């Protein structure tokens, strides 16, 4: 560790004396990356690794608990009884689906509450990532439940209408409905949903705000305001985003980023987030996730028929268009997305890597970018193996992000060295000498 840090200090000190070409030749991105990683204390690294690796088991247990919950609802006949209750209340089919959706959301939220509390509250406090008390956390959970009670019935009413009217092609039209709701969610979430959980205020005028707006305008992002979110009431994590579509686009950074990082780090983060907007990643993700959803609904069509033929009568299900079969469809989709975990993570990770490169070119803050990667390493394992990163990471690992930044820095130093040599050559050329006449 001392050797790597000493090398970094010597390079910085030499930079004031050495010519640009010599400095560029001496800079080693691998050594610089190791110097950054060596700054992380062993105890902190072990804690971060344990937190992130524990997340692998959280994913597995969440999947298995979801399957067990579906089996409970179907095997005990509880799902069928919830459907029967809706049928006793009304004869109007869409309203029956709406009633079932409300009851299903309430029952599953209640049954999953202990697991949700452990994962989202107790474990976060155990690793020092959360800041809110149980009352604040529970209040956010209630808000989330109310949002689900608004949108879940609408989504399910639309999907089951498709299931009834298109018995052979419901998988195709159902995926269209799901993608439509995805787009609506992306449109309204920054304006109507996010403010339910956090307070958004315009960032006060000053160098940080002007720097972000200048960075946005220089890269074609039509932003005239920057918002700050009070994330510190919930977590210690730093984050920012450029969210929404069309006229709903909003540039936001959380107060942790503002309070815990330097101006170069903020510029590096905002350059990355602006990259998502400029590179049209929101639209890309809608198309890519749309294809995944289409394949998922085709899987539902294939698998649900076979499961219903074997267990449908035992579970008192009348067909795929029976709302009581929702736990089955949810379980089958869970299997599909669990198997596709590496693919879905890769889709997101590729976009994040593209935004990293854009952010480096836009902000020109490689060391700020590396510093941020270390701070993100508080809850992300910095140095995973290649297979581990491919399967579990939806962002590039901290090591790869720092190495990317240091390679960018090395190429930039070499470019500046070539430019300096070219200027010196021009200054020495006979054409630049004054005439004696």
Protein backbone atom coordinates (compact mmCIF):
# COMPACT_ATOMS: atom_id res chain seq x y z
CA UNK A 1 0.00 0.00 0.00
CA UNK A 2 2.77 2.49 0.94
CA UNK A 3 4.60 1.73 -2.29
CA UNK A 4 1.54 2.49 -4.45
CA UNK A 5 0.72 5.68 -2.57
CA UNK A 6 4.36 6.82 -2.73
CA UNK A 7 4.40 6.20 -6.49
CA UNK A 8 1.27 8.32 -6.90
CA UNK A 9 2.77 11.15 -4.79
CA UNK A 10 6.03 11.07 -6.74
CA UNK A 11 4.16 11.24 -10.05
CA UNK A 12 2.12 14.22 -8.88
CA UNK A 13 5.22 16.01 -7.58
CA UNK A 14 7.22 15.25 -10.71
CA UNK A 15 4.43 16.66 -12.83
CA UNK A 16 5.41 20.18 -11.79
CA UNK A 17 8.97 19.68 -13.08
CA UNK A 18 8.93 17.02 -15.78
CA UNK A 19 8.09 17.78 -19.42
CA UNK A 20 4.61 16.60 -20.55
CA UNK A 21 6.01 13.80 -22.73
CA UNK A 22 8.07 12.35 -19.85
CA UNK A 23 5.13 12.57 -17.47
CA UNK A 24 2.78 10.87 -19.93
CA UNK A 25 5.28 8.06 -20.53
CA UNK A 26 5.73 7.51 -16.79
CA UNK A 27 2.02 7.37 -15.93
CA UNK A 28 0.81 3.77 -15.54
CA UNK A 29 -3.01 3.36 -15.38
CA UNK A 30 -2.72 -0.04 -13.67
CA UNK A 31 -0.42 1.32 -10.96
CA UNK A 32 -2.64 4.38 -10.49
CA UNK A 33 -5.68 2.12 -10.11
CA UNK A 34 -3.92 0.01 -7.50
CA UNK A 35 -2.91 3.19 -5.66
CA UNK A 36 -6.54 4.26 -5.42
CA UNK A 37 -7.71 0.83 -4.29
CA UNK A 38 -4.93 0.65 -1.70
CA UNK A 39 -6.44 3.65 0.06
CA UNK A 40 -9.42 1.55 1.21
CA UNK A 41 -8.77 0.23 4.76
CA UNK A 42 -8.97 -3.58 5.00
CA UNK A 43 -11.82 -3.43 7.54
CA UNK A 44 -13.87 -1.17 5.28
CA UNK A 45 -13.21 -3.40 2.27
CA UNK A 46 -14.26 -6.51 4.21
CA UNK A 47 -17.47 -4.80 5.34
CA UNK A 48 -18.33 -3.65 1.82
CA UNK A 49 -17.60 -7.08 0.35
CA UNK A 50 -19.76 -8.77 3.00
CA UNK A 51 -22.63 -6.37 2.36
CA UNK A 52 -22.56 -6.80 -1.42
CA UNK A 53 -21.98 -10.57 -1.39
CA UNK A 54 -24.83 -10.90 1.09
CA UNK A 55 -26.96 -9.30 -1.60
CA UNK A 56 -26.44 -12.40 -3.76
CA UNK A 57 -28.18 -14.47 -1.08
CA UNK A 58 -30.85 -11.81 -0.70
CA UNK A 59 -31.67 -12.24 -4.40
CA UNK A 60 -31.89 -16.01 -4.05
CA UNK A 61 -34.00 -15.93 -0.89
CA UNK A 62 -36.30 -13.25 -2.31
CA UNK A 63 -36.89 -15.48 -5.33
CA UNK A 64 -37.58 -18.57 -3.19
CA UNK A 65 -39.83 -16.65 -0.78
CA UNK A 66 -41.80 -15.32 -3.75
CA UNK A 67 -42.33 -18.86 -5.04
CA UNK A 68 -43.35 -20.06 -1.57
CA UNK A 69 -45.85 -17.21 -1.29
CA UNK A 70 -47.39 -18.09 -4.65
CA UNK A 71 -47.67 -21.74 -3.60
CA UNK A 72 -49.29 -20.68 -0.32
CA UNK A 73 -51.91 -18.52 -2.05
CA UNK A 74 -52.71 -21.19 -4.61
CA UNK A 75 -52.36 -24.34 -2.51
CA UNK A 76 -54.51 -23.12 0.39
CA UNK A 77 -57.19 -21.78 -1.93
CA UNK A 78 -56.73 -18.26 -0.51
CA UNK A 79 -56.34 -16.80 -4.00
CA UNK A 80 -59.58 -18.43 -5.15
CA UNK A 81 -61.39 -17.10 -2.06
CA UNK A 82 -60.20 -13.57 -2.81
CA UNK A 83 -61.63 -13.97 -6.34
CA UNK A 84 -64.90 -15.31 -4.95
CA UNK A 85 -65.21 -12.30 -2.66
CA UNK A 86 -64.98 -9.96 -5.65
CA UNK A 87 -67.60 -11.98 -7.49
CA UNK A 88 -70.00 -11.69 -4.56
CA UNK A 89 -69.59 -7.92 -4.54
CA UNK A 90 -70.13 -7.22 -8.26
CA UNK A 91 -70.91 -8.85 -11.60
CA UNK A 92 -68.83 -6.33 -13.54
CA UNK A 93 -65.69 -8.22 -14.58
CA UNK A 94 -63.21 -5.31 -14.65
CA UNK A 95 -64.34 -4.31 -11.15
CA UNK A 96 -63.87 -7.92 -9.97
CA UNK A 97 -60.28 -7.79 -11.22
CA UNK A 98 -59.81 -4.44 -9.50
CA UNK A 99 -61.09 -5.83 -6.18
CA UNK A 100 -58.88 -8.92 -6.48
CA UNK A 101 -55.84 -6.75 -7.29
CA UNK A 102 -56.40 -4.60 -4.20
CA UNK A 103 -56.83 -7.64 -1.94
CA UNK A 104 -53.84 -9.43 -3.51
CA UNK A 105 -51.62 -6.36 -3.01
CA UNK A 106 -52.67 -5.99 0.63
CA UNK A 107 -52.29 -9.70 1.47
CA UNK A 108 -48.89 -10.15 -0.22
CA UNK A 109 -47.54 -6.92 1.29
CA UNK A 110 -48.57 -8.09 4.75
CA UNK A 111 -47.10 -11.58 4.33
CA UNK A 112 -43.83 -10.23 2.93
CA UNK A 113 -43.51 -7.44 5.50
CA UNK A 114 -41.06 -9.26 7.84
CA UNK A 115 -38.71 -10.03 4.95
CA UNK A 116 -39.06 -6.51 3.55
CA UNK A 117 -38.29 -5.00 6.97
CA UNK A 118 -35.18 -7.15 7.35
CA UNK A 119 -33.81 -6.40 3.88
CA UNK A 120 -34.68 -2.71 3.58
CA UNK A 121 -34.42 -1.53 7.20
CA UNK A 122 -32.60 -3.76 9.67
CA UNK A 123 -29.89 -4.95 7.29
CA UNK A 124 -29.29 -1.43 5.97
CA UNK A 125 -28.79 -0.19 9.55
CA UNK A 126 -26.62 -3.19 10.35
CA UNK A 127 -24.15 -2.08 7.66
CA UNK A 128 -24.45 1.62 8.47
CA UNK A 129 -26.12 2.62 5.21
CA UNK A 130 -29.51 3.84 6.51
CA UNK A 131 -30.25 7.02 8.47
CA UNK A 132 -34.03 6.97 9.05
CA UNK A 133 -35.75 5.52 12.10
CA UNK A 134 -38.33 2.77 11.86
CA UNK A 135 -41.22 5.24 11.84
CA UNK A 136 -39.79 7.12 8.87
CA UNK A 137 -39.08 3.91 7.00
CA UNK A 138 -42.55 2.53 7.73
CA UNK A 139 -44.11 5.76 6.49
CA UNK A 140 -42.33 5.38 3.16
CA UNK A 141 -43.54 1.77 2.95
CA UNK A 142 -47.13 2.91 3.45
CA UNK A 143 -46.72 5.49 0.68
CA UNK A 144 -45.33 2.82 -1.61
CA UNK A 145 -48.27 0.56 -0.81
CA UNK A 146 -50.75 3.34 -1.62
CA UNK A 147 -49.02 3.94 -4.97
CA UNK A 148 -49.23 0.18 -5.69
CA UNK A 149 -52.92 0.18 -4.78
CA UNK A 150 -53.50 2.84 -7.46
CA UNK A 151 -51.45 1.37 -10.30
CA UNK A 152 -51.65 -2.39 -9.71
CA UNK A 153 -55.44 -2.60 -10.25
CA UNK A 154 -55.20 -0.49 -13.41
CA UNK A 155 -52.44 -2.67 -14.84
CA UNK A 156 -54.15 -5.94 -13.96
CA UNK A 157 -57.55 -4.78 -15.25
CA UNK A 158 -55.93 -3.97 -18.61
CA UNK A 159 -53.98 -7.27 -18.71
CA UNK A 160 -56.94 -9.47 -17.83
CA UNK A 161 -59.08 -7.69 -20.42
CA UNK A 162 -56.48 -8.79 -22.97
CA UNK A 163 -56.46 -12.33 -21.56
CA UNK A 164 -60.24 -12.59 -22.00
CA UNK A 165 -60.46 -11.09 -25.46
CA UNK A 166 -57.36 -12.58 -27.11
CA UNK A 167 -57.03 -16.16 -25.81
CA UNK A 168 -54.45 -17.13 -28.46
CA UNK A 169 -52.41 -13.93 -28.77
CA UNK A 170 -52.69 -12.51 -25.25
CA UNK A 171 -48.96 -12.91 -24.72
CA UNK A 172 -48.30 -10.42 -27.54
CA UNK A 173 -50.90 -7.82 -26.58
CA UNK A 174 -50.21 -8.30 -22.90
CA UNK A 175 -46.57 -7.36 -23.44
CA UNK A 176 -47.73 -4.23 -25.30
CA UNK A 177 -49.88 -3.25 -22.30
CA UNK A 178 -46.97 -3.88 -19.90
CA UNK A 179 -44.59 -1.73 -21.96
CA UNK A 180 -47.21 1.03 -22.18
CA UNK A 181 -47.46 1.10 -18.39
CA UNK A 182 -43.65 1.11 -18.21
CA UNK A 183 -43.52 4.23 -20.39
CA UNK A 184 -46.22 5.94 -18.34
CA UNK A 185 -44.27 5.13 -15.20
CA UNK A 186 -41.10 6.67 -16.60
CA UNK A 187 -43.05 9.78 -17.58
CA UNK A 188 -44.85 10.41 -14.32
CA UNK A 189 -42.43 9.04 -11.72
CA UNK A 190 -40.08 12.08 -11.57
CA UNK A 191 -42.95 14.57 -11.29
CA UNK A 192 -45.66 12.76 -9.32
CA UNK A 193 -44.18 9.71 -7.57
CA UNK A 194 -40.67 10.66 -6.43
CA UNK A 195 -41.82 13.80 -4.53
CA UNK A 196 -44.02 11.59 -2.35
CA UNK A 197 -40.89 10.14 -0.78
CA UNK A 198 -38.44 13.05 -0.85
CA UNK A 199 -38.44 16.80 -0.96
CA UNK A 200 -37.11 18.34 -4.18
CA UNK A 201 -35.87 21.92 -4.05
CA UNK A 202 -34.02 24.05 -6.62
CA UNK A 203 -30.29 24.08 -5.93
CA UNK A 204 -29.20 27.46 -4.61
CA UNK A 205 -27.27 29.69 -7.06
CA UNK A 206 -23.54 29.22 -6.82
CA UNK A 207 -20.50 27.64 -8.49
CA UNK A 208 -21.86 24.07 -8.25
CA UNK A 209 -25.20 24.94 -9.84
CA UNK A 210 -23.56 26.99 -12.59
CA UNK A 211 -21.03 24.23 -13.28
CA UNK A 212 -23.81 21.62 -13.67
CA UNK A 213 -25.91 23.85 -15.93
CA UNK A 214 -22.87 24.71 -18.04
CA UNK A 215 -22.03 21.01 -18.37
CA UNK A 216 -25.62 20.27 -19.38
CA UNK A 217 -25.88 23.05 -21.95
CA UNK A 218 -22.47 22.24 -23.43
CA UNK A 219 -23.71 18.72 -24.12
CA UNK A 220 -27.11 19.60 -25.53
CA UNK A 221 -29.24 18.91 -22.44
CA UNK A 222 -32.01 21.55 -22.26
CA UNK A 223 -31.79 22.11 -18.50
CA UNK A 224 -32.39 25.48 -16.88
CA UNK A 225 -32.71 24.24 -13.31
CA UNK A 226 -30.98 21.76 -11.00
CA UNK A 227 -32.86 20.11 -8.13
CA UNK A 228 -31.57 18.75 -4.85
CA UNK A 229 -33.24 15.78 -3.13
CA UNK A 230 -33.09 15.28 0.65
CA UNK A 231 -31.90 11.66 0.48
CA UNK A 232 -29.89 12.05 3.70
CA UNK A 233 -33.07 11.53 5.71
CA UNK A 234 -33.07 7.92 4.48
CA UNK A 235 -29.57 6.85 3.44
CA UNK A 236 -25.87 7.74 3.28
CA UNK A 237 -25.57 6.80 -0.39
CA UNK A 238 -24.59 9.38 -2.97
CA UNK A 239 -26.55 9.58 -6.21
CA UNK A 240 -27.85 11.80 -8.99
CA UNK A 241 -30.01 11.35 -12.07
CA UNK A 242 -31.42 12.93 -15.18
CA UNK A 243 -34.87 11.38 -15.28
CA UNK A 244 -38.05 11.50 -17.32
CA UNK A 245 -38.92 11.79 -20.99
CA UNK A 246 -39.46 14.81 -23.23
CA UNK A 247 -40.74 17.75 -21.21
CA UNK A 248 -40.57 15.88 -17.89
CA UNK A 249 -36.75 15.73 -17.87
CA UNK A 250 -35.28 16.72 -14.50
CA UNK A 251 -31.62 17.09 -13.42
CA UNK A 252 -31.28 16.05 -9.78
CA UNK A 253 -28.52 15.36 -7.30
CA UNK A 254 -29.04 14.22 -3.74
CA UNK A 255 -27.78 16.17 -0.74
CA UNK A 256 -25.31 13.41 0.16
CA UNK A 257 -23.50 14.00 -3.12
CA UNK A 258 -23.42 17.73 -2.43
CA UNK A 259 -22.15 17.35 1.14
CA UNK A 260 -19.76 14.38 0.81
CA UNK A 261 -17.94 15.08 -2.45
CA UNK A 262 -15.72 17.74 -4.01
CA UNK A 263 -16.63 19.86 -7.08
CA UNK A 264 -14.57 17.63 -9.45
CA UNK A 265 -16.42 14.57 -8.12
CA UNK A 266 -19.80 16.25 -8.58
CA UNK A 267 -18.87 17.18 -12.15
CA UNK A 268 -17.82 13.60 -12.86
CA UNK A 269 -21.11 12.22 -11.51
CA UNK A 270 -23.26 14.75 -13.34
CA UNK A 271 -21.33 14.15 -16.57
CA UNK A 272 -22.21 10.46 -16.24
CA UNK A 273 -25.90 11.19 -15.59
CA UNK A 274 -26.12 13.65 -18.46
CA UNK A 275 -24.60 10.94 -20.63
CA UNK A 276 -27.65 8.76 -20.05
CA UNK A 277 -29.82 11.56 -21.45
CA UNK A 278 -27.62 12.44 -24.43
CA UNK A 279 -27.14 8.78 -25.38
CA UNK A 280 -30.92 8.19 -25.21
CA UNK A 281 -30.52 5.39 -22.69
CA UNK A 282 -34.08 5.81 -21.41
CA UNK A 283 -35.44 5.05 -24.88
CA UNK A 284 -32.90 2.26 -25.37
CA UNK A 285 -33.92 0.67 -22.08
CA UNK A 286 -37.60 0.84 -22.99
CA UNK A 287 -36.90 -1.00 -26.26
CA UNK A 288 -34.58 -3.56 -24.64
CA UNK A 289 -36.84 -4.18 -21.66
CA UNK A 290 -39.77 -4.32 -24.06
CA UNK A 291 -38.11 -7.21 -25.88
CA UNK A 292 -37.40 -8.93 -22.56
CA UNK A 293 -41.04 -8.45 -21.52
CA UNK A 294 -42.23 -9.84 -24.86
CA UNK A 295 -40.12 -12.97 -24.38
CA UNK A 296 -41.34 -13.20 -20.79
CA UNK A 297 -44.99 -13.13 -21.87
CA UNK A 298 -44.27 -15.78 -24.50
CA UNK A 299 -42.82 -17.90 -21.68
CA UNK A 300 -45.99 -17.26 -19.66
CA UNK A 301 -48.14 -18.42 -22.56
CA UNK A 302 -46.09 -21.61 -22.91
CA UNK A 303 -45.74 -22.48 -19.22
CA UNK A 304 -49.07 -21.34 -17.77
CA UNK A 305 -51.09 -23.67 -20.00
CA UNK A 306 -49.08 -26.70 -18.89
CA UNK A 307 -49.21 -25.83 -15.19
CA UNK A 308 -52.94 -25.08 -15.34
CA UNK A 309 -53.61 -28.40 -17.06
CA UNK A 310 -51.96 -30.21 -14.15
CA UNK A 311 -52.86 -28.10 -11.11
CA UNK A 312 -55.64 -25.78 -12.22
CA UNK A 313 -58.51 -27.89 -10.89
CA UNK A 314 -56.76 -28.49 -7.56
CA UNK A 315 -56.23 -24.73 -7.14
CA UNK A 316 -59.81 -23.94 -8.30
CA UNK A 317 -58.57 -21.94 -11.29
CA UNK A 318 -60.85 -21.62 -14.30
CA UNK A 319 -58.26 -20.68 -16.87
CA UNK A 320 -55.48 -18.25 -17.60
CA UNK A 321 -57.98 -15.35 -17.60
CA UNK A 322 -59.04 -16.14 -14.01
CA UNK A 323 -57.68 -13.41 -11.65
CA UNK A 324 -57.12 -16.09 -9.00
CA UNK A 325 -54.29 -17.38 -11.19
CA UNK A 326 -52.26 -14.20 -10.68
CA UNK A 327 -49.90 -15.87 -8.15
CA UNK A 328 -49.10 -18.49 -10.80
CA UNK A 329 -48.31 -15.87 -13.45
CA UNK A 330 -46.23 -13.93 -10.91
CA UNK A 331 -44.26 -17.06 -9.99
CA UNK A 332 -43.60 -17.97 -13.63
CA UNK A 333 -42.41 -14.44 -14.37
CA UNK A 334 -40.18 -14.59 -11.28
CA UNK A 335 -38.57 -17.77 -12.64
CA UNK A 336 -38.04 -16.11 -16.01
CA UNK A 337 -36.41 -12.96 -14.61
CA UNK A 338 -34.32 -14.93 -12.11
CA UNK A 339 -32.84 -17.03 -14.91
CA UNK A 340 -32.23 -13.88 -16.96
CA UNK A 341 -30.42 -12.08 -14.13
CA UNK A 342 -27.03 -11.99 -15.95
CA UNK A 343 -28.67 -10.81 -19.19
CA UNK A 344 -30.70 -8.06 -17.55
CA UNK A 345 -27.70 -6.91 -15.53
CA UNK A 346 -25.57 -6.84 -18.67
CA UNK A 347 -28.10 -4.68 -20.51
CA UNK A 348 -27.94 -2.10 -17.74
CA UNK A 349 -24.18 -2.43 -17.18
CA UNK A 350 -23.38 -1.75 -20.83
CA UNK A 351 -25.37 1.48 -20.71
CA UNK A 352 -23.67 2.47 -17.47
CA UNK A 353 -20.23 1.91 -19.02
CA UNK A 354 -21.23 4.07 -22.00
CA UNK A 355 -22.35 6.81 -19.62
CA UNK A 356 -19.03 6.50 -17.76
CA UNK A 357 -17.07 7.21 -20.94
CA UNK A 358 -19.37 10.08 -21.85
CA UNK A 359 -19.00 11.54 -18.36
CA UNK A 360 -15.22 11.40 -18.52
CA UNK A 361 -15.16 13.16 -21.89
CA UNK A 362 -17.70 15.75 -20.75
CA UNK A 363 -16.37 16.57 -17.28
CA UNK A 364 -12.66 15.81 -17.89
CA UNK A 365 -12.40 14.80 -14.23
CA UNK A 366 -10.78 11.32 -14.16
CA UNK A 367 -9.55 11.67 -10.58
CA UNK A 368 -12.92 12.97 -9.46
CA UNK A 369 -14.49 9.95 -11.15
CA UNK A 370 -12.08 7.61 -9.33
CA UNK A 371 -12.83 9.23 -5.98
CA UNK A 372 -16.55 8.69 -6.53
CA UNK A 373 -15.93 5.03 -7.41
CA UNK A 374 -14.25 4.62 -4.02
CA UNK A 375 -17.24 6.17 -2.25
CA UNK A 376 -19.61 3.87 -4.15
CA UNK A 377 -17.37 1.06 -2.92
CA UNK A 378 -18.87 1.60 0.54
CA UNK A 379 -21.71 -0.66 -0.55
CA UNK A 380 -20.43 -2.22 -3.77
CA UNK A 381 -17.66 -4.78 -3.87
CA UNK A 382 -14.76 -3.01 -5.58
CA UNK A 383 -12.88 -5.96 -7.07
CA UNK A 384 -15.09 -8.89 -8.12
CA UNK A 385 -14.08 -11.72 -10.40
CA UNK A 386 -15.12 -11.48 -14.08
CA UNK A 387 -17.91 -14.08 -13.82
CA UNK A 388 -19.12 -12.55 -10.57
CA UNK A 389 -19.32 -9.13 -12.23
CA UNK A 390 -21.13 -10.53 -15.27
CA UNK A 391 -23.77 -12.28 -13.18
CA UNK A 392 -24.43 -9.87 -10.32
CA UNK A 393 -23.35 -6.35 -11.33
CA UNK A 394 -25.70 -3.92 -13.06
CA UNK A 395 -22.87 -1.31 -13.02
CA UNK A 396 -19.19 -1.75 -13.83
CA UNK A 397 -17.20 -2.69 -10.75
CA UNK A 398 -15.26 -0.03 -8.87
CA UNK A 399 -11.94 -1.42 -10.05
CA UNK A 400 -12.97 -1.33 -13.71
CA UNK A 401 -14.39 2.17 -13.36
CA UNK A 402 -11.19 3.50 -11.79
CA UNK A 403 -9.08 1.70 -14.41
CA UNK A 404 -11.24 3.24 -17.15
CA UNK A 405 -10.70 6.69 -15.66
CA UNK A 406 -6.95 6.19 -15.33
CA UNK A 407 -6.68 4.96 -18.93
CA UNK A 408 -8.59 8.04 -20.02
CA UNK A 409 -6.19 10.16 -17.97
CA UNK A 410 -3.16 8.46 -19.54
CA UNK A 411 -4.45 9.04 -23.07
CA UNK A 412 -5.28 12.65 -22.23
CA UNK A 413 -1.77 13.23 -20.86
CA UNK A 414 -0.28 11.72 -24.01
CA UNK A 415 -2.52 13.87 -26.19
CA UNK A 416 -1.46 16.99 -24.32
CA UNK A 417 2.19 15.95 -24.63
CA UNK A 418 1.83 15.57 -28.40
CA UNK A 419 0.09 18.94 -28.61
CA UNK A 420 2.90 20.57 -26.60
CA UNK A 421 5.55 19.00 -28.84
CA UNK A 422 3.70 20.17 -31.93
CA UNK A 423 3.51 23.73 -30.62
CA UNK A 424 7.22 23.67 -29.80
CA UNK A 425 7.99 22.42 -33.32
CA UNK A 426 5.86 25.19 -34.82
CA UNK A 427 7.64 27.80 -32.69
CA UNK A 428 11.03 26.52 -33.91
CA UNK A 429 10.10 26.38 -37.58
CA UNK A 430 11.71 28.96 -39.96
CA UNK A 431 8.30 30.21 -41.01
CA UNK A 432 7.76 31.48 -37.46
CA UNK A 433 11.02 33.51 -37.38
CA UNK A 434 10.74 37.26 -38.06
CA UNK A 435 12.04 38.51 -41.41
CA UNK A 436 15.26 40.56 -41.48
CA UNK A 437 13.86 42.80 -44.22
